Protein backbone atom coordinates (compact mmCIF):
# COMPACT_ATOMS: atom_id res chain seq x y z
CA MET A 1 -91.60 -87.09 114.23
CA ILE A 2 -89.81 -89.99 115.98
CA LYS A 3 -90.66 -93.72 116.75
CA LEU A 4 -91.96 -92.87 120.11
CA ASP A 5 -94.60 -90.57 118.54
CA ILE A 6 -95.66 -93.10 116.42
CA ILE A 7 -96.17 -95.57 119.32
CA ASN A 8 -97.93 -92.80 121.31
CA GLU A 9 -100.12 -92.32 118.35
CA VAL A 10 -101.24 -95.81 118.34
CA VAL A 11 -101.92 -95.88 121.80
CA ASN A 12 -104.22 -92.85 121.78
CA LYS A 13 -105.93 -94.04 118.32
CA THR A 14 -106.57 -97.70 119.85
CA GLY A 15 -106.58 -97.54 123.40
CA ILE A 16 -104.07 -100.76 123.66
CA THR A 17 -101.47 -100.54 126.06
CA LYS A 18 -98.13 -98.83 125.36
CA THR A 19 -96.27 -102.11 125.41
CA LYS A 20 -98.59 -103.72 122.81
CA ALA A 21 -98.30 -100.51 120.89
CA GLU A 22 -94.73 -100.63 120.94
CA LEU A 23 -94.54 -104.23 119.94
CA ALA A 24 -96.86 -103.78 116.96
CA VAL A 25 -94.74 -100.70 115.62
CA GLU A 26 -91.51 -102.70 116.14
CA THR A 27 -93.05 -105.78 114.41
CA VAL A 28 -93.89 -103.21 111.47
CA PHE A 29 -90.61 -101.78 111.03
CA GLU A 30 -88.73 -105.18 111.46
CA SER A 31 -90.69 -106.80 108.72
CA MET A 32 -90.42 -103.88 106.16
CA LYS A 33 -86.31 -104.14 107.11
CA LYS A 34 -86.38 -107.96 106.36
CA ALA A 35 -88.52 -107.43 103.08
CA LEU A 36 -86.00 -104.59 101.90
CA ALA A 37 -82.95 -106.94 102.76
CA GLY A 38 -84.62 -109.54 100.67
CA GLY A 39 -84.97 -107.05 97.81
CA GLU A 40 -88.83 -107.02 98.13
CA ARG A 41 -90.81 -103.77 96.98
CA ILE A 42 -92.75 -102.40 99.70
CA GLU A 43 -95.97 -100.44 98.56
CA LEU A 44 -98.27 -98.72 101.02
CA ARG A 45 -101.30 -97.45 99.02
CA GLY A 46 -101.92 -93.73 99.60
CA PHE A 47 -98.48 -93.41 101.16
CA GLY A 48 -95.48 -94.48 98.88
CA VAL A 49 -93.54 -97.35 97.61
CA PHE A 50 -90.12 -98.28 99.24
CA ASN A 51 -87.56 -100.32 96.87
CA VAL A 52 -83.98 -101.28 96.73
CA ARG A 53 -81.79 -99.90 94.20
CA PRO A 54 -78.33 -100.68 93.01
CA ARG A 55 -75.86 -97.75 93.77
CA LYS A 56 -73.03 -97.35 91.24
CA THR A 57 -69.30 -97.25 91.99
CA GLY A 58 -68.03 -93.75 92.31
CA ILE A 59 -65.10 -91.23 93.36
CA GLY A 60 -65.59 -88.80 95.97
CA ARG A 61 -63.49 -86.47 97.56
CA ASN A 62 -62.41 -86.38 101.61
CA PRO A 63 -63.50 -82.62 102.31
CA ARG A 64 -60.54 -82.21 104.79
CA THR A 65 -57.67 -83.69 102.61
CA GLY A 66 -59.23 -83.22 99.05
CA ALA A 67 -57.99 -86.86 98.50
CA GLU A 68 -59.88 -88.95 96.07
CA VAL A 69 -62.00 -91.66 97.75
CA ASN A 70 -63.35 -94.94 95.91
CA ILE A 71 -66.95 -95.43 96.87
CA PRO A 72 -67.74 -99.12 96.60
CA PRO A 73 -71.03 -100.15 94.87
CA GLY A 74 -73.82 -101.13 97.03
CA LYS A 75 -77.66 -100.93 97.55
CA ALA A 76 -79.77 -98.06 98.82
CA VAL A 77 -83.26 -97.71 99.91
CA ARG A 78 -85.12 -95.44 97.77
CA PHE A 79 -88.87 -94.00 98.56
CA LYS A 80 -91.14 -92.70 96.09
CA PRO A 81 -94.37 -90.87 97.95
CA GLY A 82 -97.59 -91.78 96.46
CA LYS A 83 -100.13 -88.99 94.90
CA GLU A 84 -101.95 -88.52 98.39
CA LEU A 85 -98.69 -87.69 100.16
CA GLN A 86 -97.31 -85.35 97.40
CA SER A 87 -100.50 -83.33 97.42
CA ILE A 88 -100.03 -82.34 100.90
CA ASP A 89 -100.06 -78.58 101.52
């Protein structure tokens, strides 16, 4: 599923115009990005939780040359599915 599929689903379910649906979906995604960039936790009941966690420094390898590469510390977005999403068959 891509963003356009989500927009089309909003149009089909609500009957609003595609332009307004696209604006609504973009607004939701932008507010989620802004919250995660600020280190906030996003909890969507029945779906899951997004949060930002620190990533440790590591050593990786270049697959072509085999040379070691230092991986700098950083932050990574993590998603933990909720109970309802985990029980999908």
